[in-house]
Protein backbone atom coordinates (compact mmCIF):
# COMPACT_ATOMS: atom_id res chain seq x y z
CA UNK A 1 0.00 0.00 0.00
CA UNK A 2 1.30 3.43 -0.96
CA UNK A 3 1.34 6.08 1.80
CA UNK A 4 1.50 9.83 1.20
CA UNK A 5 3.97 11.64 3.45
CA UNK A 6 3.38 15.25 2.31
CA UNK A 7 1.64 17.32 -0.36
CA UNK A 8 2.82 20.62 -1.82
CA UNK A 9 0.50 22.69 -4.01
CA UNK A 10 2.02 25.44 -6.17
CA UNK A 11 5.12 25.38 -3.98
CA UNK A 12 3.20 25.67 -0.69
CA UNK A 13 3.06 22.77 1.75
CA UNK A 14 -0.49 22.10 2.94
CA UNK A 15 -1.71 20.34 6.08
CA UNK A 16 -3.37 17.07 5.11
CA UNK A 17 -5.56 15.41 7.72
CA UNK A 18 -6.27 12.24 5.75
CA UNK A 19 -5.62 11.11 2.21
CA UNK A 20 -5.93 8.31 -0.28
CA UNK A 21 -3.86 7.95 -3.42
CA UNK A 22 -4.93 5.44 -6.06
CA UNK A 23 -5.26 4.69 -9.76
CA UNK A 24 -8.75 5.13 -11.19
CA UNK A 25 -9.42 2.85 -14.12
CA UNK A 26 -12.17 3.73 -16.59
CA UNK A 27 -13.05 2.94 -20.18
CA UNK A 28 -11.25 6.13 -21.23
CA UNK A 29 -7.98 5.26 -19.49
CA UNK A 30 -6.17 5.66 -16.18
CA UNK A 31 -5.93 8.61 -13.81
CA UNK A 32 -3.81 9.14 -10.74
CA UNK A 33 -6.20 10.32 -8.02
CA UNK A 34 -5.38 11.96 -4.69
CA UNK A 35 -8.26 12.51 -2.28
CA UNK A 36 -7.41 14.85 0.58
CA UNK A 37 -9.14 15.94 3.77
CA UNK A 38 -7.87 19.48 4.28
CA UNK A 39 -9.02 22.59 6.11
CA UNK A 40 -11.83 24.84 4.95
CA UNK A 41 -9.19 27.51 4.36
CA UNK A 42 -7.42 25.28 1.80
CA UNK A 43 -10.68 24.42 0.02
CA UNK A 44 -11.60 28.11 -0.19
CA UNK A 45 -8.16 28.93 -1.61
CA UNK A 46 -8.32 26.36 -4.42
CA UNK A 47 -12.05 26.08 -5.16
CA UNK A 48 -11.93 28.33 -8.20
CA UNK A 49 -8.66 26.97 -9.62
CA UNK A 50 -8.69 24.41 -12.43
CA UNK A 51 -5.09 23.17 -12.46
CA UNK A 52 -2.36 23.05 -9.84
CA UNK A 53 1.29 22.09 -9.76
CA UNK A 54 1.36 19.30 -7.19
CA UNK A 55 4.26 17.54 -5.52
CA UNK A 56 3.36 14.35 -3.66
CA UNK A 57 6.04 12.87 -1.42
CA UNK A 58 5.47 9.21 -0.61
CA UNK A 59 6.74 7.48 2.54
CA UNK A 60 9.03 5.24 0.48
CA UNK A 61 10.90 8.34 -0.76
CA UNK A 62 9.34 8.62 -4.21
CA UNK A 63 8.21 12.05 -5.34
CA UNK A 64 5.47 12.60 -7.89
CA UNK A 65 5.41 15.98 -9.62
CA UNK A 66 2.46 16.69 -11.85
CA UNK A 67 0.02 19.28 -13.07
CA UNK A 68 -3.27 18.08 -11.62
CA UNK A 69 -6.90 19.04 -12.04
CA UNK A 70 -8.91 20.01 -8.97
CA UNK A 71 -12.38 18.99 -7.87
CA UNK A 72 -13.95 20.07 -4.61
CA UNK A 73 -15.75 17.10 -3.10
CA UNK A 74 -18.96 18.03 -1.35
CA UNK A 75 -20.06 16.19 1.70
CA UNK A 76 -19.22 16.30 5.35
CA UNK A 77 -15.60 17.36 5.62
CA UNK A 78 -13.58 19.76 3.44
CA UNK A 79 -12.04 17.69 0.65
CA UNK A 80 -10.02 18.11 -2.51
CA UNK A 81 -9.75 15.57 -5.29
CA UNK A 82 -6.62 16.06 -7.38
CA UNK A 83 -6.21 14.00 -10.53
CA UNK A 84 -4.21 13.68 -13.72
CA UNK A 85 -4.30 11.33 -16.67
CA UNK A 86 -1.65 8.63 -16.90
CA UNK A 87 -0.23 7.24 -20.11
CA UNK A 88 2.13 4.75 -18.52
CA UNK A 89 1.04 3.11 -15.28
CA UNK A 90 4.05 0.81 -14.84
CA UNK A 91 5.61 2.96 -12.13
CA UNK A 92 2.29 2.92 -10.23
CA UNK A 93 1.80 -0.84 -10.02
CA UNK A 94 1.86 -0.86 -6.20
CA UNK A 95 -0.95 1.73 -5.97
CA UNK A 96 -4.50 0.67 -5.07
CA UNK A 97 -6.79 0.52 -8.07
CA UNK A 98 -10.41 1.59 -8.30
CA UNK A 99 -12.46 0.58 -11.31
CA UNK A 100 -15.35 2.73 -12.56
CA UNK A 101 -17.63 -0.34 -12.32
CA UNK A 102 -16.84 -0.95 -8.65
CA UNK A 103 -18.74 0.60 -5.79
CA UNK A 104 -15.66 0.74 -3.50
CA UNK A 105 -13.87 4.02 -2.96
CA UNK A 106 -11.45 4.88 -0.19
CA UNK A 107 -13.29 6.41 2.78
CA UNK A 108 -10.98 9.01 4.27
CA UNK A 109 -13.57 10.73 6.50
CA UNK A 110 -13.79 8.03 9.19
CA UNK A 111 -12.46 9.04 12.58
CA UNK A 112 -11.98 12.77 12.00
CA UNK A 113 -14.31 15.67 12.74
CA UNK A 114 -14.62 19.25 11.56
CA UNK A 115 -13.83 20.38 15.13
CA UNK A 116 -10.44 18.60 14.96
CA UNK A 117 -9.69 20.25 11.62
CA UNK A 118 -10.64 23.68 12.94
CA UNK A 119 -8.26 23.26 15.90
CA UNK A 120 -5.41 23.26 13.36
CA UNK A 121 -6.72 25.90 10.96
CA UNK A 122 -9.81 27.94 11.79
CA UNK A 123 -11.33 29.84 8.88
CA UNK A 124 -12.41 33.44 9.34
CA UNK A 125 -15.43 34.89 7.61
CA UNK A 126 -16.75 38.40 7.44
CA UNK A 127 -20.05 39.10 9.12
CA UNK A 128 -22.19 42.22 9.33
CA UNK A 129 -24.42 42.97 12.28
CA UNK A 130 -27.08 45.60 12.55
CA UNK A 131 -27.27 46.72 16.14
CA UNK A 132 -29.33 49.28 17.97
CA UNK A 133 -27.02 50.77 20.61
CA UNK A 134 -26.87 53.91 22.72
CA UNK A 135 -25.08 56.73 20.90
CA UNK A 136 -22.08 56.75 23.27
CA UNK A 137 -21.40 53.08 22.44
CA UNK A 138 -21.77 53.77 18.72
CA UNK A 139 -19.27 56.63 18.98
CA UNK A 140 -16.84 54.43 20.89
CA UNK A 141 -17.14 51.62 18.31
CA UNK A 142 -16.52 54.04 15.44
CA UNK A 143 -13.26 55.17 17.08
CA UNK A 144 -11.86 51.62 17.27
CA UNK A 145 -9.74 49.92 14.64
CA UNK A 146 -11.18 46.90 12.85
CA UNK A 147 -8.54 44.57 14.32
CA UNK A 148 -9.38 45.71 17.85
CA UNK A 149 -13.11 45.22 17.29
CA UNK A 150 -12.51 41.74 15.87
CA UNK A 151 -10.54 40.77 18.99
CA UNK A 152 -13.17 42.25 21.33
CA UNK A 153 -16.02 40.41 19.64
CA UNK A 154 -14.13 37.12 19.40
CA UNK A 155 -13.27 37.21 23.10
CA UNK A 156 -16.76 38.30 24.10
CA UNK A 157 -18.44 35.56 22.04
CA UNK A 158 -16.10 32.83 23.31
CA UNK A 159 -16.68 33.91 26.94
CA UNK A 160 -20.45 33.95 26.45
CA UNK A 161 -20.31 30.62 24.61
CA UNK A 162 -18.34 28.96 27.41
CA UNK A 163 -20.80 30.24 30.04
CA UNK A 164 -23.74 28.88 28.03
CA UNK A 165 -22.06 25.48 27.58
CA UNK A 166 -21.28 25.15 31.29
CA UNK A 167 -24.94 25.65 32.31
């Protein structure tokens, strides 16, 4: 069985939580497939990209460099499917094979949760709130920098959240 040690996309090493590398066999030929559980930040970064330069380092020391296509896999956890067509599969004989007529695919989601992924890399998203506050609070908020307000709200929400969870 082939084990992936690390993955680099466009020269940047990414954190991979789980993966499966295999040869997909169809009537149109063979593709090298790499399914990855990654963070939501990584999915967001590559969701609108068609092709990537990928370096896959295997545990046995082999390195695969290829231009690969990207598919975002929908479902529970944030996933990328990277793939490229293969003309010669001789050097990939020890890879698992999946045939288009089979119902078996590697399940890389078992045993990992979105909470575990977010502990490593938490995505940030913009949010707008419409509040009705006393004028002195509004004036104070307007004087603050965005970074300071972000920190205040994050801390305030986490404190409130913890109090609610401990009840």
